[in-house]
Amino acid sequence: MPFRGIADDEQLATLTRILDDYCEQAGIVGPHPAREHLARRIIALFTGGIDSPDELRMALDRASNGWEDNHI
């Protein structure tokens, strides 16, 4: 899923699925600020070159460590 400056439909669907799954596992529902934070983080990771779903999930785990406790 290489990044070419703009996410195509397949890439966007994959990123959305990663966000949805991650939020579901974390108990984040609806338009919660944590969901927006995670969505921005996924886009930043993706545009920074991380395009593997597994790598994105691991990076989210590292980035959200401790953040969830303070913001969810």
Protein backbone atom coordinates (compact mmCIF):
# COMPACT_ATOMS: atom_id res chain seq x y z
CA MET A 1 0.00 0.00 0.00
CA PRO A 2 2.69 2.53 -0.97
CA PHE A 3 1.84 6.19 -0.47
CA ARG A 4 1.91 8.38 -3.58
CA GLY A 5 0.85 11.72 -2.08
CA ILE A 6 -2.86 10.96 -2.09
CA ALA A 7 -4.56 7.91 -0.61
CA ASP A 8 -6.52 5.97 -3.20
CA ASP A 9 -9.87 4.34 -2.44
CA GLU A 10 -8.32 1.05 -1.34
CA GLN A 11 -5.78 2.75 0.92
CA LEU A 12 -8.43 4.97 2.46
CA ALA A 13 -10.66 1.95 3.10
CA THR A 14 -7.74 0.15 4.77
CA LEU A 15 -6.89 3.15 6.95
CA THR A 16 -10.55 3.53 7.94
CA ARG A 17 -10.78 -0.17 8.81
CA ILE A 18 -7.64 0.12 10.98
CA LEU A 19 -9.14 3.13 12.77
CA ASP A 20 -12.51 1.43 13.26
CA ASP A 21 -10.94 -1.78 14.57
CA TYR A 22 -8.58 0.08 16.88
CA CYS A 23 -11.35 2.23 18.30
CA GLU A 24 -13.62 -0.77 18.80
CA GLN A 25 -10.90 -2.63 20.72
CA ALA A 26 -10.23 0.45 22.85
CA GLY A 27 -13.93 1.05 23.56
CA ILE A 28 -13.98 4.38 21.72
CA VAL A 29 -17.43 5.05 20.30
CA GLY A 30 -18.93 7.86 18.28
CA PRO A 31 -17.26 11.20 17.63
CA HIS A 32 -14.94 10.95 20.64
CA PRO A 33 -11.84 13.21 20.72
CA ALA A 34 -9.67 10.10 21.02
CA ARG A 35 -10.98 8.85 17.67
CA GLU A 36 -10.01 12.12 16.00
CA HIS A 37 -6.59 11.96 17.64
CA LEU A 38 -6.06 8.42 16.39
CA ALA A 39 -7.28 9.29 12.88
CA ARG A 40 -4.79 12.16 12.67
CA ARG A 41 -2.07 9.86 13.96
CA ILE A 42 -2.86 7.19 11.35
CA ILE A 43 -2.68 9.77 8.56
CA ALA A 44 0.61 11.14 9.90
CA LEU A 45 2.09 7.65 10.11
CA PHE A 46 0.84 6.80 6.62
CA THR A 47 2.15 9.97 5.04
CA GLY A 48 5.43 9.36 6.87
CA GLY A 49 5.82 6.08 5.02
CA ILE A 50 4.29 3.49 7.34
CA ASP A 51 1.84 1.67 5.13
CA SER A 52 1.63 -1.84 6.52
CA PRO A 53 -1.57 -2.38 8.54
CA ASP A 54 0.36 -4.30 11.20
CA GLU A 55 3.01 -1.58 11.45
CA LEU A 56 0.31 1.09 11.69
CA ARG A 57 -1.39 -0.78 14.55
CA MET A 58 1.90 -1.21 16.41
CA ALA A 59 2.72 2.47 15.94
CA LEU A 60 -0.73 3.40 17.26
CA ASP A 61 -0.14 1.23 20.31
CA ARG A 62 3.13 3.04 20.99
CA ALA A 63 1.62 6.49 20.34
CA SER A 64 -1.48 5.93 22.44
CA ASN A 65 0.29 4.35 25.40
CA GLY A 66 -0.86 6.42 28.35
CA TRP A 67 -2.83 8.88 26.19
CA GLU A 68 -5.99 6.77 26.44
CA ASP A 69 -5.96 6.80 30.22
CA ASN A 70 -5.88 10.57 30.28
CA HIS A 71 -8.29 11.33 27.44
CA ILE A 72 -10.87 8.58 27.18
